Amino acid sequence: MSNSAVGSLGDVNGSSPIQTIPPELLCEIFHHCISLPNDPYGRPSVPRPSVKEAPLKLGRICRYWRKMALSSPSLWCRLSLRRETNERNLSLDLQIMDEWLARSKRAPLWLSVNYSAMEYGSALHEIGGVLYHYDRRFTTF
């Protein structure tokens, strides 16, 4: 790679123009990435745990963005777990939920769990076990 190409992408030490944005501003930009429209019932939509959606997608851009996303608890205080099919097992959902909520630190929480009636009945006890540690922080359940 020529010196001019390196200069246009950032210096050799990995600095790039995006890394000069103050962390507070970058986190504000991140919040706009996860702002979703309300659902048809007027309830706020919440992010799903997907690498194709923020905040997980933001952490895949570069190390700096990952560090900023992981250090911003308010990006992790809303979560939606939905399962209409057997797309993943309950154990994975529990791990995702626990990690997501742990990243939220002390921020107030908003959680949506939508399982089919058959799955939900058998999963309720296990989901409750994870949520027990966070129950005082929920604004909506």
N, C-alpha and C. Protein backbone atom coordinates (compact mmCIF):
# COMPACT_ATOMS: atom_id res chain seq x y z
N MET A 1 0.85 -1.16 0.00
CA MET A 1 0.00 0.00 0.00
C MET A 1 0.90 1.23 0.00
N SER A 2 0.58 2.18 -0.82
CA SER A 2 1.40 3.38 -0.91
C SER A 2 1.16 4.27 0.30
N ASN A 3 2.10 5.21 0.52
CA ASN A 3 1.96 6.14 1.64
C ASN A 3 0.72 6.99 1.52
N SER A 4 0.35 7.38 0.30
CA SER A 4 -0.84 8.21 0.14
C SER A 4 -2.10 7.43 0.49
N ALA A 5 -2.11 6.12 0.18
CA ALA A 5 -3.27 5.30 0.52
C ALA A 5 -3.38 5.15 2.03
N VAL A 6 -2.24 4.95 2.70
CA VAL A 6 -2.25 4.84 4.16
C VAL A 6 -2.72 6.14 4.77
N GLY A 7 -2.26 7.25 4.26
CA GLY A 7 -2.65 8.55 4.78
C GLY A 7 -4.13 8.81 4.64
N SER A 8 -4.74 8.34 3.57
CA SER A 8 -6.16 8.60 3.37
C SER A 8 -7.04 7.73 4.28
N LEU A 9 -6.52 6.60 4.72
CA LEU A 9 -7.29 5.71 5.59
C LEU A 9 -7.05 5.99 7.07
N GLY A 10 -6.03 6.70 7.39
CA GLY A 10 -5.62 6.93 8.77
C GLY A 10 -4.14 6.63 8.87
N ASP A 11 -3.52 7.05 9.93
CA ASP A 11 -2.08 6.81 10.02
C ASP A 11 -1.79 5.37 10.36
N VAL A 12 -0.52 5.03 10.33
CA VAL A 12 -0.08 3.65 10.53
C VAL A 12 -0.47 3.14 11.92
N ASN A 13 -0.60 4.03 12.90
CA ASN A 13 -0.94 3.62 14.26
C ASN A 13 -2.42 3.31 14.45
N GLY A 14 -3.21 3.41 13.41
CA GLY A 14 -4.61 3.05 13.49
C GLY A 14 -5.54 4.21 13.75
N SER A 15 -5.01 5.43 13.85
CA SER A 15 -5.90 6.58 14.05
C SER A 15 -6.67 6.83 12.78
N SER A 16 -7.91 7.21 12.94
CA SER A 16 -8.73 7.57 11.81
C SER A 16 -9.58 8.75 12.24
N PRO A 17 -10.13 9.48 11.29
CA PRO A 17 -10.93 10.66 11.64
C PRO A 17 -12.09 10.34 12.60
N ILE A 18 -12.70 9.19 12.47
CA ILE A 18 -13.83 8.84 13.35
C ILE A 18 -13.39 8.75 14.80
N GLN A 19 -12.12 8.42 15.03
CA GLN A 19 -11.62 8.30 16.39
C GLN A 19 -11.37 9.66 17.04
N THR A 20 -11.50 10.73 16.28
CA THR A 20 -11.34 12.06 16.86
C THR A 20 -12.67 12.62 17.37
N ILE A 21 -13.78 11.94 17.08
CA ILE A 21 -15.08 12.36 17.59
C ILE A 21 -15.11 12.10 19.09
N PRO A 22 -15.52 13.08 19.88
CA PRO A 22 -15.60 12.85 21.33
C PRO A 22 -16.50 11.66 21.64
N PRO A 23 -16.13 10.85 22.64
CA PRO A 23 -16.91 9.65 22.96
C PRO A 23 -18.38 9.94 23.24
N GLU A 24 -18.68 11.08 23.88
CA GLU A 24 -20.07 11.41 24.18
C GLU A 24 -20.88 11.59 22.89
N LEU A 25 -20.27 12.22 21.89
CA LEU A 25 -20.95 12.43 20.61
C LEU A 25 -21.12 11.11 19.86
N LEU A 26 -20.09 10.28 19.88
CA LEU A 26 -20.18 8.98 19.22
C LEU A 26 -21.29 8.13 19.86
N CYS A 27 -21.38 8.15 21.18
CA CYS A 27 -22.45 7.40 21.86
C CYS A 27 -23.82 7.96 21.50
N GLU A 28 -23.92 9.27 21.34
CA GLU A 28 -25.19 9.87 20.92
C GLU A 28 -25.57 9.38 19.52
N ILE A 29 -24.59 9.30 18.64
CA ILE A 29 -24.82 8.77 17.30
C ILE A 29 -25.28 7.31 17.39
N PHE A 30 -24.63 6.54 18.26
CA PHE A 30 -25.02 5.14 18.46
C PHE A 30 -26.47 5.03 18.90
N HIS A 31 -26.91 5.92 19.77
CA HIS A 31 -28.30 5.89 20.24
C HIS A 31 -29.28 6.12 19.10
N HIS A 32 -28.89 6.95 18.16
CA HIS A 32 -29.77 7.17 17.00
C HIS A 32 -29.84 5.92 16.12
N CYS A 33 -28.80 5.11 16.16
CA CYS A 33 -28.80 3.86 15.39
C CYS A 33 -29.77 2.83 15.98
N ILE A 34 -30.02 2.89 17.27
CA ILE A 34 -30.94 1.92 17.87
C ILE A 34 -32.33 2.49 18.10
N SER A 35 -32.53 3.75 17.76
CA SER A 35 -33.87 4.33 17.88
C SER A 35 -34.78 3.71 16.83
N LEU A 36 -35.77 3.02 17.29
CA LEU A 36 -36.68 2.31 16.41
C LEU A 36 -38.08 2.92 16.52
N PRO A 37 -38.88 2.83 15.48
CA PRO A 37 -40.26 3.34 15.57
C PRO A 37 -41.09 2.48 16.52
N ASN A 38 -42.18 3.03 16.99
CA ASN A 38 -43.09 2.27 17.84
C ASN A 38 -43.72 1.14 17.05
N ASP A 39 -44.12 0.08 17.77
CA ASP A 39 -44.81 -1.03 17.11
C ASP A 39 -46.25 -0.61 16.80
N PRO A 40 -47.02 -1.46 16.13
CA PRO A 40 -48.40 -1.08 15.76
C PRO A 40 -49.31 -0.75 16.94
N TYR A 41 -48.94 -1.16 18.15
CA TYR A 41 -49.74 -0.90 19.34
C TYR A 41 -49.27 0.35 20.09
N GLY A 42 -48.29 1.06 19.52
CA GLY A 42 -47.78 2.27 20.15
C GLY A 42 -46.70 2.04 21.18
N ARG A 43 -46.31 0.80 21.38
CA ARG A 43 -45.23 0.50 22.33
C ARG A 43 -43.89 0.72 21.64
N PRO A 44 -42.87 1.16 22.39
CA PRO A 44 -41.57 1.35 21.76
C PRO A 44 -40.99 0.02 21.29
N SER A 45 -40.45 0.01 20.11
CA SER A 45 -39.77 -1.18 19.61
C SER A 45 -38.40 -1.25 20.29
N VAL A 46 -37.91 -2.45 20.46
CA VAL A 46 -36.62 -2.62 21.13
C VAL A 46 -35.72 -3.51 20.28
N PRO A 47 -34.40 -3.33 20.43
CA PRO A 47 -33.48 -4.12 19.61
C PRO A 47 -33.55 -5.61 19.92
N ARG A 48 -33.32 -6.40 18.89
CA ARG A 48 -33.20 -7.84 19.05
C ARG A 48 -31.71 -8.18 19.07
N PRO A 49 -31.33 -9.28 19.70
CA PRO A 49 -29.92 -9.66 19.71
C PRO A 49 -29.51 -10.23 18.36
N SER A 50 -29.06 -9.36 17.48
CA SER A 50 -28.66 -9.75 16.14
C SER A 50 -27.44 -8.95 15.72
N VAL A 51 -26.47 -9.61 15.11
CA VAL A 51 -25.29 -8.90 14.62
C VAL A 51 -25.62 -8.01 13.44
N LYS A 52 -26.86 -8.10 12.95
CA LYS A 52 -27.30 -7.26 11.83
C LYS A 52 -27.96 -5.98 12.33
N GLU A 53 -28.11 -5.83 13.65
CA GLU A 53 -28.77 -4.67 14.23
C GLU A 53 -27.90 -4.06 15.32
N ALA A 54 -28.09 -2.76 15.55
CA ALA A 54 -27.40 -2.10 16.65
C ALA A 54 -28.04 -2.59 17.96
N PRO A 55 -27.29 -2.68 19.02
CA PRO A 55 -25.93 -2.23 19.21
C PRO A 55 -24.86 -3.26 18.83
N LEU A 56 -25.23 -4.52 18.61
CA LEU A 56 -24.20 -5.52 18.27
C LEU A 56 -23.47 -5.17 16.98
N LYS A 57 -24.19 -4.67 16.01
CA LYS A 57 -23.57 -4.34 14.72
C LYS A 57 -22.51 -3.24 14.89
N LEU A 58 -22.76 -2.30 15.77
CA LEU A 58 -21.81 -1.20 15.99
C LEU A 58 -20.47 -1.72 16.51
N GLY A 59 -20.52 -2.75 17.34
CA GLY A 59 -19.30 -3.32 17.90
C GLY A 59 -18.47 -4.10 16.91
N ARG A 60 -18.99 -4.30 15.72
CA ARG A 60 -18.26 -5.05 14.70
C ARG A 60 -17.54 -4.15 13.71
N ILE A 61 -17.69 -2.83 13.85
CA ILE A 61 -17.08 -1.89 12.91
C ILE A 61 -15.57 -1.81 13.13
N CYS A 62 -15.15 -1.53 14.34
CA CYS A 62 -13.72 -1.46 14.67
C CYS A 62 -13.58 -1.57 16.18
N ARG A 63 -12.35 -1.72 16.65
CA ARG A 63 -12.11 -1.86 18.09
C ARG A 63 -12.61 -0.66 18.88
N TYR A 64 -12.38 0.52 18.33
CA TYR A 64 -12.78 1.74 19.01
C TYR A 64 -14.30 1.78 19.18
N TRP A 65 -15.05 1.45 18.14
CA TRP A 65 -16.51 1.45 18.23
C TRP A 65 -16.98 0.37 19.20
N ARG A 66 -16.32 -0.78 19.17
CA ARG A 66 -16.68 -1.86 20.11
C ARG A 66 -16.49 -1.39 21.54
N LYS A 67 -15.36 -0.76 21.80
CA LYS A 67 -15.07 -0.25 23.14
C LYS A 67 -16.13 0.77 23.55
N MET A 68 -16.48 1.66 22.66
CA MET A 68 -17.49 2.69 22.97
C MET A 68 -18.87 2.07 23.19
N ALA A 69 -19.24 1.12 22.35
CA ALA A 69 -20.55 0.48 22.50
C ALA A 69 -20.64 -0.30 23.81
N LEU A 70 -19.59 -1.05 24.13
CA LEU A 70 -19.60 -1.84 25.36
C LEU A 70 -19.54 -0.98 26.62
N SER A 71 -19.01 0.23 26.50
CA SER A 71 -18.90 1.10 27.68
C SER A 71 -20.09 2.05 27.82
N SER A 72 -21.11 1.86 27.02
CA SER A 72 -22.30 2.71 27.09
C SER A 72 -23.50 1.87 27.54
N PRO A 73 -23.75 1.80 28.84
CA PRO A 73 -24.82 0.95 29.36
C PRO A 73 -26.20 1.25 28.76
N SER A 74 -26.45 2.49 28.42
CA SER A 74 -27.78 2.83 27.90
C SER A 74 -28.07 2.20 26.53
N LEU A 75 -27.04 1.73 25.84
CA LEU A 75 -27.26 1.01 24.58
C LEU A 75 -27.80 -0.39 24.83
N TRP A 76 -27.62 -0.89 26.04
CA TRP A 76 -27.95 -2.28 26.36
C TRP A 76 -29.14 -2.41 27.30
N CYS A 77 -29.84 -1.32 27.56
CA CYS A 77 -30.92 -1.38 28.55
C CYS A 77 -32.26 -1.79 27.95
N ARG A 78 -32.34 -2.02 26.66
CA ARG A 78 -33.57 -2.47 26.01
C ARG A 78 -33.28 -3.74 25.22
N LEU A 79 -34.16 -4.72 25.36
CA LEU A 79 -33.93 -6.01 24.70
C LEU A 79 -35.26 -6.66 24.35
N SER A 80 -35.30 -7.27 23.18
CA SER A 80 -36.46 -8.03 22.74
C SER A 80 -36.02 -9.43 22.37
N LEU A 81 -36.60 -10.41 23.03
CA LEU A 81 -36.38 -11.81 22.67
C LEU A 81 -37.68 -12.35 22.12
N ARG A 82 -37.65 -12.79 20.87
CA ARG A 82 -38.84 -13.34 20.21
C ARG A 82 -38.48 -14.69 19.63
N ARG A 83 -39.42 -15.59 19.73
CA ARG A 83 -39.20 -16.89 19.12
C ARG A 83 -40.52 -17.45 18.66
N GLU A 84 -40.74 -17.38 17.38
CA GLU A 84 -41.92 -18.02 16.80
C GLU A 84 -41.59 -19.42 16.32
N THR A 85 -40.31 -19.67 16.11
CA THR A 85 -39.86 -20.98 15.66
C THR A 85 -38.70 -21.41 16.55
N ASN A 86 -38.20 -22.59 16.34
CA ASN A 86 -37.06 -23.08 17.12
C ASN A 86 -35.74 -22.61 16.49
N GLU A 87 -35.59 -21.29 16.32
CA GLU A 87 -34.40 -20.76 15.67
C GLU A 87 -33.15 -20.87 16.54
N ARG A 88 -33.30 -20.91 17.84
CA ARG A 88 -32.18 -21.15 18.75
C ARG A 88 -32.75 -21.73 20.04
N ASN A 89 -31.91 -22.31 20.85
CA ASN A 89 -32.43 -22.96 22.05
C ASN A 89 -32.54 -21.99 23.23
N LEU A 90 -33.28 -22.39 24.22
CA LEU A 90 -33.52 -21.55 25.39
C LEU A 90 -32.22 -21.21 26.10
N SER A 91 -31.31 -22.16 26.18
CA SER A 91 -30.04 -21.92 26.85
C SER A 91 -29.30 -20.74 26.22
N LEU A 92 -29.31 -20.66 24.91
CA LEU A 92 -28.66 -19.54 24.23
C LEU A 92 -29.39 -18.23 24.52
N ASP A 93 -30.72 -18.26 24.52
CA ASP A 93 -31.50 -17.06 24.86
C ASP A 93 -31.14 -16.57 26.26
N LEU A 94 -31.01 -17.49 27.20
CA LEU A 94 -30.67 -17.12 28.58
C LEU A 94 -29.28 -16.49 28.65
N GLN A 95 -28.33 -17.04 27.92
CA GLN A 95 -26.97 -16.47 27.89
C GLN A 95 -26.99 -15.08 27.28
N ILE A 96 -27.71 -14.93 26.18
CA ILE A 96 -27.81 -13.63 25.51
C ILE A 96 -28.43 -12.61 26.46
N MET A 97 -29.53 -12.99 27.08
CA MET A 97 -30.23 -12.07 27.98
C MET A 97 -29.34 -11.66 29.15
N ASP A 98 -28.67 -12.60 29.75
CA ASP A 98 -27.82 -12.30 30.90
C ASP A 98 -26.67 -11.37 30.50
N GLU A 99 -26.01 -11.65 29.38
CA GLU A 99 -24.89 -10.81 28.92
C GLU A 99 -25.39 -9.42 28.56
N TRP A 100 -26.49 -9.34 27.85
CA TRP A 100 -27.06 -8.06 27.42
C TRP A 100 -27.38 -7.19 28.63
N LEU A 101 -28.08 -7.80 29.60
CA LEU A 101 -28.48 -7.05 30.80
C LEU A 101 -27.28 -6.68 31.67
N ALA A 102 -26.27 -7.53 31.71
CA ALA A 102 -25.04 -7.20 32.45
C ALA A 102 -24.36 -5.98 31.84
N ARG A 103 -24.38 -5.87 30.51
CA ARG A 103 -23.77 -4.72 29.84
C ARG A 103 -24.53 -3.42 30.14
N SER A 104 -25.77 -3.53 30.55
CA SER A 104 -26.58 -2.34 30.84
C SER A 104 -26.19 -1.70 32.18
N LYS A 105 -25.31 -2.34 32.93
CA LYS A 105 -24.85 -1.86 34.25
C LYS A 105 -26.07 -1.53 35.12
N ARG A 106 -26.26 -0.27 35.48
CA ARG A 106 -27.35 0.13 36.38
C ARG A 106 -28.45 0.91 35.67
N ALA A 107 -28.44 0.92 34.36
CA ALA A 107 -29.46 1.67 33.60
C ALA A 107 -30.83 1.01 33.78
N PRO A 108 -31.90 1.80 33.79
CA PRO A 108 -33.25 1.21 33.85
C PRO A 108 -33.47 0.29 32.65
N LEU A 109 -34.20 -0.78 32.85
CA LEU A 109 -34.34 -1.81 31.83
C LEU A 109 -35.74 -1.85 31.22
N TRP A 110 -35.78 -2.25 29.96
CA TRP A 110 -37.03 -2.49 29.23
C TRP A 110 -36.83 -3.80 28.48
N LEU A 111 -37.67 -4.77 28.75
CA LEU A 111 -37.51 -6.11 28.17
C LEU A 111 -38.83 -6.58 27.57
N SER A 112 -38.73 -7.18 26.40
CA SER A 112 -39.88 -7.81 25.76
C SER A 112 -39.50 -9.26 25.46
N VAL A 113 -40.28 -10.20 26.00
CA VAL A 113 -40.07 -11.62 25.72
C VAL A 113 -41.34 -12.13 25.07
N ASN A 114 -41.20 -12.67 23.88
CA ASN A 114 -42.35 -13.15 23.13
C ASN A 114 -42.05 -14.55 22.61
N TYR A 115 -42.55 -15.54 23.32
CA TYR A 115 -42.39 -16.93 22.92
C TYR A 115 -43.78 -17.48 22.60
N SER A 116 -43.83 -18.57 21.87
CA SER A 116 -45.12 -19.23 21.68
C SER A 116 -45.58 -19.73 23.05
N ALA A 117 -46.87 -19.92 23.23
CA ALA A 117 -47.42 -20.31 24.52
C ALA A 117 -46.77 -21.59 25.05
N MET A 118 -46.54 -22.56 24.19
CA MET A 118 -45.97 -23.83 24.62
C MET A 118 -44.53 -23.63 25.12
N GLU A 119 -43.72 -22.89 24.36
CA GLU A 119 -42.34 -22.66 24.76
C GLU A 119 -42.26 -21.78 25.99
N TYR A 120 -43.11 -20.76 26.06
CA TYR A 120 -43.06 -19.80 27.15
C TYR A 120 -43.34 -20.47 28.49
N GLY A 121 -44.33 -21.36 28.52
CA GLY A 121 -44.66 -22.05 29.77
C GLY A 121 -43.48 -22.81 30.34
N SER A 122 -42.75 -23.50 29.51
CA SER A 122 -41.60 -24.27 30.00
C SER A 122 -40.39 -23.39 30.27
N ALA A 123 -40.33 -22.22 29.64
CA ALA A 123 -39.16 -21.35 29.78
C ALA A 123 -39.31 -20.32 30.89
N LEU A 124 -40.53 -20.08 31.35
CA LEU A 124 -40.79 -19.00 32.29
C LEU A 124 -39.93 -19.09 33.54
N HIS A 125 -39.82 -20.25 34.11
CA HIS A 125 -39.03 -20.43 35.33
C HIS A 125 -37.56 -20.07 35.10
N GLU A 126 -37.00 -20.54 34.00
CA GLU A 126 -35.58 -20.28 33.72
C GLU A 126 -35.34 -18.81 33.38
N ILE A 127 -36.23 -18.20 32.63
CA ILE A 127 -36.12 -16.77 32.30
C ILE A 127 -36.21 -15.96 33.60
N GLY A 128 -37.15 -16.32 34.45
CA GLY A 128 -37.30 -15.64 35.73
C GLY A 128 -36.05 -15.73 36.58
N GLY A 129 -35.34 -16.84 36.51
CA GLY A 129 -34.10 -16.99 37.27
C GLY A 129 -33.04 -15.99 36.85
N VAL A 130 -32.96 -15.71 35.56
CA VAL A 130 -32.00 -14.71 35.06
C VAL A 130 -32.47 -13.31 35.43
N LEU A 131 -33.76 -13.05 35.24
CA LEU A 131 -34.29 -11.71 35.47
C LEU A 131 -34.32 -11.32 36.94
N TYR A 132 -34.32 -12.29 37.83
CA TYR A 132 -34.36 -12.02 39.26
C TYR A 132 -33.25 -11.06 39.69
N HIS A 133 -32.08 -11.20 39.09
CA HIS A 133 -30.93 -10.36 39.45
C HIS A 133 -31.09 -8.91 39.00
N TYR A 134 -32.01 -8.66 38.09
CA TYR A 134 -32.16 -7.34 37.51
C TYR A 134 -33.53 -6.71 37.80
N ASP A 135 -34.40 -7.39 38.51
CA ASP A 135 -35.81 -7.01 38.61
C ASP A 135 -36.06 -5.59 39.13
N ARG A 136 -35.24 -5.04 39.95
CA ARG A 136 -35.47 -3.69 40.48
C ARG A 136 -35.20 -2.60 39.46
N ARG A 137 -34.61 -2.96 38.36
CA ARG A 137 -34.26 -1.96 37.36
C ARG A 137 -35.25 -1.90 36.20
N PHE A 138 -36.24 -2.77 36.19
CA PHE A 138 -37.19 -2.80 35.07
C PHE A 138 -38.17 -1.64 35.15
N THR A 139 -38.34 -0.98 34.02
CA THR A 139 -39.37 0.05 33.92
C THR A 139 -40.62 -0.56 33.31
N THR A 140 -40.45 -1.58 32.47
CA THR A 140 -41.56 -2.28 31.84
C THR A 140 -41.17 -3.74 31.73
N PHE A 141 -42.09 -4.61 31.99
CA PHE A 141 -41.82 -6.05 31.88
C PHE A 141 -42.96 -6.68 31.13
